[in-house]
């Protein structure tokens, strides 16, 4: 009863100082202040400063400018706050304008990723605004994104903690930064993870003022020795940047990262932008705070970063003729199996070149006429897996066409386009028709044409860009002339079957 009265008094006192909180449905109040973390500004700020001053980094910790993602726990601050401080202090020197908080749901089963798209979140340290432009771009980037606010609020008596526990750290570390809270659905879904990673990479683009914070704990409620074994396995997969091992380990029950699919999403995002390294900065358990070793929860602080070695490895050799042939044959077998059985074919190519993350499109044609085309601009996973998944998507998910039927298979040919990393150009005159694919973006809208569109249509540069703006981006045909429109180009290595 005393604890209840204390929590109630703290919460009511906070509410008296924030009378506007429930007047706007777009403002998320602090549900955990006074329980999971201090309920007054002074106490909270002092505690966060204490956490930061206690951080002692491992040897050779990368500098903040080379870090794209931090993984931080989301328990009550007496248990995990000191661990979370490691990641935030590692990036404190960076000038961050937008912090994307990727978190798992604890109370709802749903598909996709829910974005809090407007308004603000509040804590005793004040309000932190949502980056509404960034959120709007995510919502238009892929249909996987939804806007269910109840997911962020939790259920009666059990507020959702995965996003809220990160916000005071954001406020203290990056004053003035905006946030984009995103909660991924449960049960874990690899396709959702890939779509979210691709969309994030697309929206972030070349910005260097965006940080992704992954809110996850480690294993739950095992004896200390067993918890350490389980956590060691999960953190080893993360440090190796091995997404396949992370998913397989959880499917087999060998790992228990609480939100492993969120970590996998962030790994795919980081790799797409050239950040292919991970380092555990700190690991602890609840036993360090309570002394109870019979049933513990694990916590870890991890960073995803890049270094000179990974930058060199990002420069990959062109695909050889035999590698292209294997990709085409794999895509054909995948297409036939999926259309006939709705099952996905396993990819077992051991060639390291096939494991390089690259963007790719798969185009299907029937008697020379387009029958489906879907792809990823940014590679968020191994090329072979991307080609496999895009072959399936082109046959079953292109909204312009009905799914491919078994009777059509003999008449369909496929084409693969492996894409370079897009780069921004200053003038539309830099577009080389037939060589460059083009992406246009303005505000929350965007669209893309592959290089071969110019050859297939015979359009002039002006017509090509106008059709791209109107058809793909839903903008005015002359949007490409507007300085506010971002234009990016890329090249494509195009190869495939020749059935016509």
Protein backbone atom coordinates (compact mmCIF):
# COMPACT_ATOMS: atom_id res chain seq x y z
CA UNK A 1 0.00 0.00 0.00
CA UNK A 2 2.85 2.39 0.81
CA UNK A 3 4.41 1.74 -2.58
CA UNK A 4 1.07 2.33 -4.26
CA UNK A 5 0.61 5.63 -2.46
CA UNK A 6 4.16 6.68 -3.33
CA UNK A 7 3.70 5.89 -7.01
CA UNK A 8 0.29 7.56 -7.09
CA UNK A 9 1.59 10.69 -5.36
CA UNK A 10 4.59 10.92 -7.66
CA UNK A 11 2.45 10.43 -10.75
CA UNK A 12 -0.15 12.99 -9.65
CA UNK A 13 2.55 15.49 -8.76
CA UNK A 14 4.07 15.09 -12.18
CA UNK A 15 0.68 15.46 -13.82
CA UNK A 16 0.02 18.70 -11.93
CA UNK A 17 3.11 20.15 -13.56
CA UNK A 18 2.07 18.80 -17.00
CA UNK A 19 -1.65 19.63 -17.30
CA UNK A 20 -1.68 19.29 -21.05
CA UNK A 21 -0.66 15.65 -21.28
CA UNK A 22 -4.02 14.01 -21.83
CA UNK A 23 -5.49 16.92 -23.76
CA UNK A 24 -3.74 15.86 -26.97
CA UNK A 25 -3.93 12.29 -28.21
CA UNK A 26 -0.64 12.84 -30.05
CA UNK A 27 1.24 13.44 -26.79
CA UNK A 28 2.38 10.30 -24.98
CA UNK A 29 2.62 10.82 -21.20
CA UNK A 30 5.30 9.27 -19.01
CA UNK A 31 3.71 6.18 -17.52
CA UNK A 32 6.82 4.84 -15.76
CA UNK A 33 8.16 8.01 -14.08
CA UNK A 34 8.43 7.49 -10.33
CA UNK A 35 8.60 3.71 -10.64
CA UNK A 36 11.00 2.52 -13.34
CA UNK A 37 13.00 5.73 -13.15
CA UNK A 38 12.90 8.88 -10.94
CA UNK A 39 9.80 11.03 -11.15
CA UNK A 40 11.38 14.47 -10.72
CA UNK A 41 13.69 16.32 -13.15
CA UNK A 42 16.45 16.81 -10.56
CA UNK A 43 16.57 13.18 -9.46
CA UNK A 44 16.39 11.85 -13.01
CA UNK A 45 19.06 14.17 -14.37
CA UNK A 46 21.38 13.44 -11.45
CA UNK A 47 20.94 9.69 -11.89
CA UNK A 48 21.67 9.85 -15.63
CA UNK A 49 24.77 11.95 -15.04
CA UNK A 50 25.92 9.42 -12.47
CA UNK A 51 25.48 6.56 -14.91
CA UNK A 52 27.49 8.41 -17.55
CA UNK A 53 30.34 9.33 -15.23
CA UNK A 54 30.69 5.68 -14.19
CA UNK A 55 31.22 4.44 -17.76
CA UNK A 56 34.63 2.94 -18.48
CA UNK A 57 34.96 1.83 -22.08
CA UNK A 58 36.63 -1.40 -23.23
CA UNK A 59 39.89 -1.03 -25.14
CA UNK A 60 39.71 0.22 -28.73
CA UNK A 61 36.09 1.34 -28.56
CA UNK A 62 35.18 3.06 -31.87
CA UNK A 63 34.54 6.79 -31.87
CA UNK A 64 31.03 8.17 -32.00
CA UNK A 65 31.25 9.30 -35.61
CA UNK A 66 31.66 5.69 -36.75
CA UNK A 67 28.60 4.38 -34.86
CA UNK A 68 25.20 4.08 -36.53
CA UNK A 69 23.27 1.97 -34.01
CA UNK A 70 23.35 1.39 -30.27
CA UNK A 71 21.62 -1.50 -28.49
CA UNK A 72 20.39 -0.60 -25.01
CA UNK A 73 18.34 -2.47 -22.36
CA UNK A 74 14.88 -1.32 -21.31
CA UNK A 75 14.44 -2.43 -17.70
CA UNK A 76 14.04 -0.25 -14.63
CA UNK A 77 17.00 2.07 -14.22
CA UNK A 78 18.27 0.50 -10.94
CA UNK A 79 18.76 -2.72 -12.91
CA UNK A 80 19.84 -1.69 -16.42
CA UNK A 81 20.44 2.06 -16.48
CA UNK A 82 24.16 1.75 -15.89
CA UNK A 83 24.45 -0.64 -18.84
CA UNK A 84 22.39 1.55 -21.19
CA UNK A 85 24.66 4.49 -20.38
CA UNK A 86 27.57 2.82 -22.21
CA UNK A 87 25.99 3.05 -25.65
CA UNK A 88 24.70 6.57 -25.20
CA UNK A 89 28.03 7.85 -23.92
CA UNK A 90 29.82 6.20 -26.87
CA UNK A 91 27.89 8.44 -29.29
CA UNK A 92 27.54 11.51 -27.09
CA UNK A 93 30.01 13.57 -29.15
CA UNK A 94 27.90 13.24 -32.31
CA UNK A 95 25.53 15.93 -33.48
CA UNK A 96 22.27 13.97 -33.65
CA UNK A 97 19.06 15.53 -34.94
CA UNK A 98 16.86 12.41 -35.12
CA UNK A 99 16.87 9.31 -32.93
CA UNK A 100 14.92 6.33 -34.25
CA UNK A 101 13.91 4.06 -31.36
CA UNK A 102 13.32 0.48 -32.56
CA UNK A 103 11.62 -1.62 -29.93
CA UNK A 104 9.66 -4.87 -29.48
CA UNK A 105 6.09 -5.07 -28.26
CA UNK A 106 5.46 -6.75 -24.91
CA UNK A 107 1.67 -6.83 -24.88
CA UNK A 108 0.28 -7.15 -28.43
CA UNK A 109 0.36 -9.62 -31.28
CA UNK A 110 0.32 -7.82 -34.63
CA UNK A 111 1.97 -7.75 -38.02
CA UNK A 112 4.18 -4.93 -39.19
CA UNK A 113 5.78 -2.01 -37.38
CA UNK A 114 3.83 0.69 -35.59
CA UNK A 115 5.11 4.27 -35.83
CA UNK A 116 4.15 7.08 -33.45
CA UNK A 117 3.96 9.59 -36.27
CA UNK A 118 3.02 12.94 -34.69
CA UNK A 119 3.29 14.93 -31.49
CA UNK A 120 5.65 14.25 -28.61
CA UNK A 121 6.61 12.00 -25.70
CA UNK A 122 7.01 13.41 -22.20
CA UNK A 123 9.19 12.55 -19.23
CA UNK A 124 10.11 14.53 -16.09
CA UNK A 125 12.82 16.15 -18.24
CA UNK A 126 10.14 17.67 -20.50
CA UNK A 127 8.78 16.89 -23.94
CA UNK A 128 10.69 15.50 -26.89
CA UNK A 129 9.10 16.07 -30.28
CA UNK A 130 8.50 13.40 -32.88
CA UNK A 131 10.29 13.96 -36.20
CA UNK A 132 7.06 14.06 -38.17
CA UNK A 133 8.75 14.43 -41.57
CA UNK A 134 10.91 11.35 -41.01
CA UNK A 135 7.92 9.39 -39.68
CA UNK A 136 5.81 10.36 -42.69
CA UNK A 137 8.56 9.15 -45.04
CA UNK A 138 8.60 5.79 -43.30
CA UNK A 139 4.85 5.45 -43.56
CA UNK A 140 4.95 6.02 -47.31
CA UNK A 141 8.05 3.89 -47.85
CA UNK A 142 6.35 0.55 -47.18
CA UNK A 143 2.91 -0.78 -46.27
CA UNK A 144 4.51 -2.66 -43.37
CA UNK A 145 4.25 0.53 -41.28
CA UNK A 146 1.07 1.26 -39.30
CA UNK A 147 0.07 3.84 -36.65
CA UNK A 148 -1.49 2.01 -33.69
CA UNK A 149 -0.99 4.17 -30.60
CA UNK A 150 -2.40 1.57 -28.22
CA UNK A 151 0.71 -0.53 -28.82
CA UNK A 152 2.86 2.22 -27.30
CA UNK A 153 0.59 2.60 -24.28
CA UNK A 154 0.50 -1.05 -23.23
CA UNK A 155 -2.41 -2.54 -21.32
CA UNK A 156 -4.08 -1.48 -18.03
CA UNK A 157 -1.66 -1.91 -15.18
CA UNK A 158 1.22 -2.78 -17.52
CA UNK A 159 2.51 0.19 -19.50
CA UNK A 160 4.77 -0.53 -22.47
CA UNK A 161 8.35 0.13 -21.37
CA UNK A 162 10.36 -0.60 -24.51
CA UNK A 163 10.26 2.95 -25.94
CA UNK A 164 9.75 5.08 -22.82
CA UNK A 165 12.85 3.87 -20.97
CA UNK A 166 15.09 5.13 -23.79
CA UNK A 167 13.69 8.65 -23.96
CA UNK A 168 15.31 10.19 -20.85
CA UNK A 169 18.69 8.98 -22.12
CA UNK A 170 17.97 10.62 -25.49
CA UNK A 171 16.95 13.86 -23.80
CA UNK A 172 20.03 13.97 -21.59
CA UNK A 173 22.49 12.95 -24.33
CA UNK A 174 21.10 14.88 -27.31
CA UNK A 175 19.18 17.96 -26.13
CA UNK A 176 16.90 19.20 -28.88
CA UNK A 177 16.95 15.98 -30.90
CA UNK A 178 13.67 14.60 -32.20
CA UNK A 179 12.56 10.98 -32.01
CA UNK A 180 10.84 8.45 -34.25
CA UNK A 181 9.41 5.67 -32.03
CA UNK A 182 8.84 2.37 -33.89
CA UNK A 183 7.56 -0.84 -32.26
CA UNK A 184 7.91 -4.07 -34.24
CA UNK A 185 5.18 -6.69 -34.11
CA UNK A 186 5.14 -10.13 -32.61
CA UNK A 187 5.60 -12.96 -33.47
CA UNK A 188 8.92 -12.18 -35.21
CA UNK A 189 8.69 -11.90 -38.98
CA UNK A 190 11.79 -11.85 -41.20
CA UNK A 191 9.99 -10.14 -44.07
CA UNK A 192 8.85 -7.31 -41.79
CA UNK A 193 12.40 -6.95 -40.48
CA UNK A 194 13.77 -6.70 -44.03
CA UNK A 195 11.15 -4.18 -45.08
CA UNK A 196 11.72 -1.96 -42.05
CA UNK A 197 15.50 -2.08 -42.54
CA UNK A 198 15.19 -1.15 -46.20
CA UNK A 199 12.80 1.70 -45.49
CA UNK A 200 15.04 3.09 -42.75
CA UNK A 201 18.09 2.96 -45.00
CA UNK A 202 16.15 4.65 -47.77
CA UNK A 203 14.87 7.48 -45.57
CA UNK A 204 18.18 8.04 -43.79
CA UNK A 205 20.13 7.99 -47.05
CA UNK A 206 23.32 10.01 -46.67
CA UNK A 207 22.33 11.81 -43.45
CA UNK A 208 24.95 11.65 -40.71
CA UNK A 209 22.77 13.10 -37.95
CA UNK A 210 20.50 10.06 -37.41
CA UNK A 211 21.02 7.49 -34.65
CA UNK A 212 19.10 4.22 -34.29
CA UNK A 213 18.57 3.00 -30.73
CA UNK A 214 17.57 -0.67 -30.40
CA UNK A 215 15.68 -1.30 -27.16
CA UNK A 216 16.12 -4.93 -26.07
CA UNK A 217 17.05 -6.98 -23.01
CA UNK A 218 18.73 -10.37 -23.00
CA UNK A 219 17.51 -13.66 -21.44
CA UNK A 220 14.86 -13.74 -18.71
CA UNK A 221 14.45 -15.65 -15.44
CA UNK A 222 17.17 -18.30 -15.55
CA UNK A 223 19.75 -19.09 -12.86
CA UNK A 224 22.75 -16.81 -13.26
CA UNK A 225 25.15 -19.40 -14.74
CA UNK A 226 22.58 -20.57 -17.29
CA UNK A 227 21.65 -17.00 -18.21
CA UNK A 228 25.28 -16.17 -18.94
CA UNK A 229 25.59 -19.14 -21.30
CA UNK A 230 22.41 -18.19 -23.16
CA UNK A 231 23.35 -14.51 -23.36
CA UNK A 232 26.89 -15.31 -24.47
CA UNK A 233 25.49 -17.21 -27.47
CA UNK A 234 23.18 -14.39 -28.54
CA UNK A 235 25.78 -11.67 -28.10
CA UNK A 236 28.34 -13.74 -30.01
CA UNK A 237 26.01 -13.90 -33.02
CA UNK A 238 25.48 -10.16 -32.78
CA UNK A 239 29.20 -9.40 -32.55
CA UNK A 240 29.82 -11.58 -35.60
CA UNK A 241 27.06 -9.64 -37.38
CA UNK A 242 25.53 -13.00 -38.24
CA UNK A 243 21.82 -12.38 -38.83
CA UNK A 244 21.18 -15.94 -39.97
CA UNK A 245 22.70 -17.35 -36.76
CA UNK A 246 20.64 -14.93 -34.66
CA UNK A 247 17.36 -16.09 -36.22
CA UNK A 248 18.36 -19.77 -36.24
CA UNK A 249 19.56 -19.63 -32.62
CA UNK A 250 16.23 -18.30 -31.44
CA UNK A 251 14.27 -20.79 -33.53
CA UNK A 252 16.28 -23.58 -31.87
CA UNK A 253 15.94 -22.10 -28.37
CA UNK A 254 19.69 -21.57 -27.88
CA UNK A 255 19.35 -17.78 -27.60
CA UNK A 256 16.91 -15.45 -25.85
CA UNK A 257 17.52 -11.87 -26.91
CA UNK A 258 14.26 -10.19 -25.89
CA UNK A 259 13.53 -8.63 -29.26
CA UNK A 260 16.05 -10.46 -31.45
CA UNK A 261 14.04 -9.59 -34.56
CA UNK A 262 14.48 -5.92 -33.71
CA UNK A 263 18.24 -6.46 -33.44
CA UNK A 264 18.17 -8.28 -36.78
CA UNK A 265 16.31 -5.36 -38.35
CA UNK A 266 18.94 -2.93 -37.10
CA UNK A 267 21.75 -5.19 -38.33
CA UNK A 268 20.27 -5.22 -41.82
CA UNK A 269 19.84 -1.44 -41.73
CA UNK A 270 23.39 -0.87 -40.52
CA UNK A 271 24.90 -3.20 -43.07
CA UNK A 272 22.99 -1.49 -45.88
CA UNK A 273 24.67 1.79 -44.94
CA UNK A 274 28.14 0.27 -44.59
CA UNK A 275 28.22 -0.28 -40.83
CA UNK A 276 29.10 -3.96 -40.61
CA UNK A 277 30.79 -4.31 -37.23
CA UNK A 278 29.42 -4.86 -33.71
CA UNK A 279 31.01 -4.60 -30.28
CA UNK A 280 29.61 -5.40 -26.84
CA UNK A 281 30.51 -2.54 -24.53
CA UNK A 282 28.93 -3.86 -21.34
CA UNK A 283 27.07 -6.92 -20.10
CA UNK A 284 25.40 -7.35 -16.71
CA UNK A 285 22.45 -9.07 -15.08
CA UNK A 286 19.85 -8.15 -12.52
CA UNK A 287 21.93 -10.12 -10.00
CA UNK A 288 24.48 -7.30 -10.06
CA UNK A 289 21.79 -5.02 -8.61
CA UNK A 290 19.85 -7.42 -6.36
CA UNK A 291 22.31 -10.17 -5.45
CA UNK A 292 19.65 -12.75 -6.37
CA UNK A 293 21.29 -15.35 -8.66
CA UNK A 294 18.37 -17.78 -8.81
CA UNK A 295 16.35 -15.95 -11.48
CA UNK A 296 18.02 -13.16 -13.43
CA UNK A 297 17.52 -10.92 -16.48
CA UNK A 298 20.44 -10.11 -18.76
CA UNK A 299 21.31 -6.65 -20.11
CA UNK A 300 23.82 -5.57 -22.76
CA UNK A 301 25.05 -2.41 -24.43
CA UNK A 302 26.22 -2.95 -28.01
CA UNK A 303 27.27 -0.64 -30.85
CA UNK A 304 27.11 -1.19 -34.61
CA UNK A 305 29.91 0.69 -36.32
CA UNK A 306 32.23 0.85 -39.31
CA UNK A 307 36.01 0.88 -39.60
CA UNK A 308 38.68 1.04 -42.30
CA UNK A 309 38.66 -2.72 -42.76
CA UNK A 310 34.92 -2.93 -43.31
CA UNK A 311 35.06 0.07 -45.68
CA UNK A 312 37.62 -1.74 -47.83
CA UNK A 313 35.52 -4.89 -47.90
CA UNK A 314 32.52 -2.88 -49.03
CA UNK A 315 34.21 -2.49 -52.43
CA UNK A 316 33.20 -5.75 -54.10
CA UNK A 317 34.10 -7.32 -57.39
CA UNK A 318 31.58 -7.42 -60.26
CA UNK A 319 29.56 -10.58 -60.59
CA UNK A 320 31.16 -13.18 -62.84
CA UNK A 321 29.28 -14.92 -65.66
CA UNK A 322 28.99 -18.11 -63.58
CA UNK A 323 27.70 -16.18 -60.54
CA UNK A 324 25.05 -14.48 -62.67
CA UNK A 325 24.06 -17.82 -64.15
CA UNK A 326 23.67 -19.35 -60.67
CA UNK A 327 21.52 -16.42 -59.54
CA UNK A 328 19.26 -16.78 -62.58
CA UNK A 329 18.87 -20.52 -62.12
CA UNK A 330 18.19 -20.10 -58.42
CA UNK A 331 15.58 -17.42 -59.13
CA UNK A 332 13.88 -19.67 -61.70
CA UNK A 333 13.75 -22.66 -59.34
CA UNK A 334 12.46 -20.37 -56.59
CA UNK A 335 9.75 -18.98 -58.86
CA UNK A 336 8.60 -22.42 -60.00
CA UNK A 337 8.55 -23.87 -56.46
CA UNK A 338 6.70 -20.97 -54.92
CA UNK A 339 4.02 -20.72 -57.62
CA UNK A 340 3.41 -24.48 -57.49
CA UNK A 341 3.68 -25.12 -53.73
CA UNK A 342 3.74 -21.68 -51.98
CA UNK A 343 6.97 -22.82 -50.31
CA UNK A 344 10.25 -20.91 -50.23
CA UNK A 345 13.33 -22.59 -51.58
CA UNK A 346 16.37 -22.68 -49.29
CA UNK A 347 19.45 -20.79 -50.50
CA UNK A 348 22.64 -22.79 -49.97
CA UNK A 349 25.17 -20.99 -52.20
CA UNK A 350 28.45 -20.82 -50.21
CA UNK A 351 30.12 -18.25 -52.51
CA UNK A 352 31.09 -15.23 -50.33
CA UNK A 353 30.20 -12.92 -53.23
CA UNK A 354 26.59 -14.05 -52.90
CA UNK A 355 26.59 -12.98 -49.24
CA UNK A 356 27.37 -9.33 -50.01
CA UNK A 357 24.36 -7.10 -49.20
CA UNK A 358 23.27 -5.40 -52.44
CA UNK A 359 20.03 -4.01 -53.74
CA UNK A 360 18.32 -6.01 -56.46
CA UNK A 361 15.12 -6.15 -58.53
CA UNK A 362 13.55 -9.16 -60.21
CA UNK A 363 11.45 -8.45 -63.30
CA UNK A 364 9.04 -10.99 -64.82
CA UNK A 365 7.87 -10.80 -68.44
CA UNK A 366 5.29 -12.82 -70.31
CA UNK A 367 5.72 -12.82 -74.09
CA UNK A 368 7.92 -9.76 -73.68
CA UNK A 369 5.31 -7.82 -71.67
CA UNK A 370 5.84 -6.84 -68.03
CA UNK A 371 4.23 -9.34 -65.63
CA UNK A 372 5.72 -8.21 -62.30
CA UNK A 373 8.66 -6.28 -60.90
CA UNK A 374 9.68 -5.76 -57.27
CA UNK A 375 12.99 -5.08 -55.59
CA UNK A 376 15.03 -3.43 -52.87
CA UNK A 377 17.05 -0.32 -53.69
CA UNK A 378 19.34 -0.85 -50.70
CA UNK A 379 20.67 -4.30 -49.89
CA UNK A 380 19.72 -5.22 -46.34
CA UNK A 381 20.83 -8.84 -46.56
CA UNK A 382 22.85 -11.28 -48.69
CA UNK A 383 22.38 -10.81 -52.43
CA UNK A 384 21.28 -14.41 -52.99
CA UNK A 385 18.51 -14.10 -50.38
CA UNK A 386 17.39 -10.76 -51.80
CA UNK A 387 17.10 -12.23 -55.31
CA UNK A 388 15.18 -15.23 -53.98
CA UNK A 389 12.73 -13.07 -52.04
CA UNK A 390 12.25 -10.58 -54.88
CA UNK A 391 11.51 -13.41 -57.34
CA UNK A 392 8.70 -14.52 -55.03
CA UNK A 393 7.49 -10.96 -54.48
CA UNK A 394 7.44 -10.17 -58.21
CA UNK A 395 5.25 -13.23 -58.77
CA UNK A 396 2.86 -12.66 -55.88
CA UNK A 397 2.99 -9.12 -54.46
CA UNK A 398 3.16 -6.63 -57.33
CA UNK A 399 -0.12 -4.70 -56.80
CA UNK A 400 -0.45 -4.07 -60.54
CA UNK A 401 -0.93 -7.74 -61.37
CA UNK A 402 -2.68 -10.86 -60.16
CA UNK A 403 -0.35 -13.53 -58.74
CA UNK A 404 1.39 -15.67 -61.35
CA UNK A 405 -0.41 -18.97 -61.97
CA UNK A 406 1.08 -22.39 -62.68
CA UNK A 407 -0.25 -22.28 -66.25
CA UNK A 408 1.81 -19.14 -66.95
CA UNK A 409 5.18 -20.41 -65.80
CA UNK A 410 6.29 -21.79 -69.16
CA UNK A 411 5.67 -18.43 -70.83
CA UNK A 412 7.44 -16.26 -68.26
CA UNK A 413 11.07 -15.13 -68.38
CA UNK A 414 12.86 -13.39 -65.56
CA UNK A 415 15.47 -10.67 -65.37
CA UNK A 416 17.67 -9.66 -62.43
CA UNK A 417 19.00 -6.16 -61.80
CA UNK A 418 21.76 -5.87 -59.17
CA UNK A 419 22.06 -2.25 -58.10
CA UNK A 420 24.88 0.02 -57.07
CA UNK A 421 24.49 2.25 -53.99
CA UNK A 422 22.47 5.36 -54.97
CA UNK A 423 24.24 8.73 -54.97
CA UNK A 424 22.69 12.18 -55.00
CA UNK A 425 23.22 14.44 -58.02
CA UNK A 426 23.01 18.21 -58.21
CA UNK A 427 21.44 18.50 -61.66
CA UNK A 428 19.11 16.38 -63.76
CA UNK A 429 21.55 16.91 -66.61
CA UNK A 430 23.81 14.36 -64.91
CA UNK A 431 21.29 11.57 -65.65
CA UNK A 432 22.60 9.30 -68.40
CA UNK A 433 19.68 7.52 -70.03
CA UNK A 434 20.11 3.76 -70.28
CA UNK A 435 22.92 3.79 -67.73
CA UNK A 436 21.34 5.39 -64.69
CA UNK A 437 18.38 4.30 -62.67
CA UNK A 438 16.84 7.33 -61.00
CA UNK A 439 15.16 7.97 -57.64
CA UNK A 440 13.21 11.16 -56.97
CA UNK A 441 12.13 12.23 -53.49
CA UNK A 442 10.34 15.27 -52.14
CA UNK A 443 8.95 15.30 -48.65
CA UNK A 444 7.28 11.98 -47.91
CA UNK A 445 6.90 10.98 -51.59
CA UNK A 446 9.35 9.16 -53.80
CA UNK A 447 9.66 6.89 -56.81
CA UNK A 448 12.22 4.91 -58.82
CA UNK A 449 12.82 3.85 -62.44
CA UNK A 450 15.39 1.18 -63.32
CA UNK A 451 17.94 2.07 -66.05
CA UNK A 452 16.32 -0.22 -68.61
CA UNK A 453 13.07 1.79 -68.54
CA UNK A 454 14.71 4.42 -70.75
CA UNK A 455 15.77 1.83 -73.33
CA UNK A 456 12.39 0.11 -73.33
CA UNK A 457 10.36 3.30 -73.74
CA UNK A 458 12.65 5.44 -75.88
CA UNK A 459 11.76 8.47 -73.75
CA UNK A 460 13.84 11.61 -73.71
CA UNK A 461 15.50 12.61 -70.44
CA UNK A 462 12.74 15.15 -69.77
CA UNK A 463 9.98 12.63 -70.47
CA UNK A 464 11.74 9.97 -68.39
CA UNK A 465 11.97 12.28 -65.38
CA UNK A 466 8.45 13.63 -65.80
CA UNK A 467 6.95 10.14 -65.96
CA UNK A 468 8.99 9.14 -62.89
CA UNK A 469 7.65 12.11 -60.92
CA UNK A 470 4.04 11.53 -61.97
CA UNK A 471 3.78 7.72 -62.22
CA UNK A 472 6.01 6.57 -59.40
CA UNK A 473 6.20 9.44 -56.93
CA UNK A 474 2.67 10.84 -57.31
CA UNK A 475 4.10 14.34 -57.75
CA UNK A 476 3.68 16.92 -60.46
CA UNK A 477 5.40 15.94 -63.74
CA UNK A 478 7.89 18.79 -63.44
CA UNK A 479 8.86 18.08 -59.81
CA UNK A 480 12.36 17.15 -60.98
CA UNK A 481 12.95 20.81 -61.83
CA UNK A 482 12.26 21.89 -58.24
CA UNK A 483 15.44 22.39 -56.13
CA UNK A 484 13.54 20.90 -53.18
CA UNK A 485 13.34 17.54 -55.01
CA UNK A 486 16.16 15.14 -54.23
CA UNK A 487 17.43 13.20 -57.26
CA UNK A 488 19.64 10.13 -56.88
CA UNK A 489 21.12 7.86 -59.53
CA UNK A 490 22.41 4.31 -59.51
CA UNK A 491 23.61 1.77 -62.03
CA UNK A 492 22.38 -1.78 -62.53
CA UNK A 493 24.00 -4.99 -63.67
CA UNK A 494 21.12 -6.53 -65.66
CA UNK A 495 21.02 -10.18 -66.72
CA UNK A 496 18.51 -12.98 -67.02
CA UNK A 497 16.68 -15.48 -69.20
CA UNK A 498 15.90 -14.67 -72.80
CA UNK A 499 12.46 -16.23 -73.34
CA UNK A 500 10.41 -13.93 -75.53
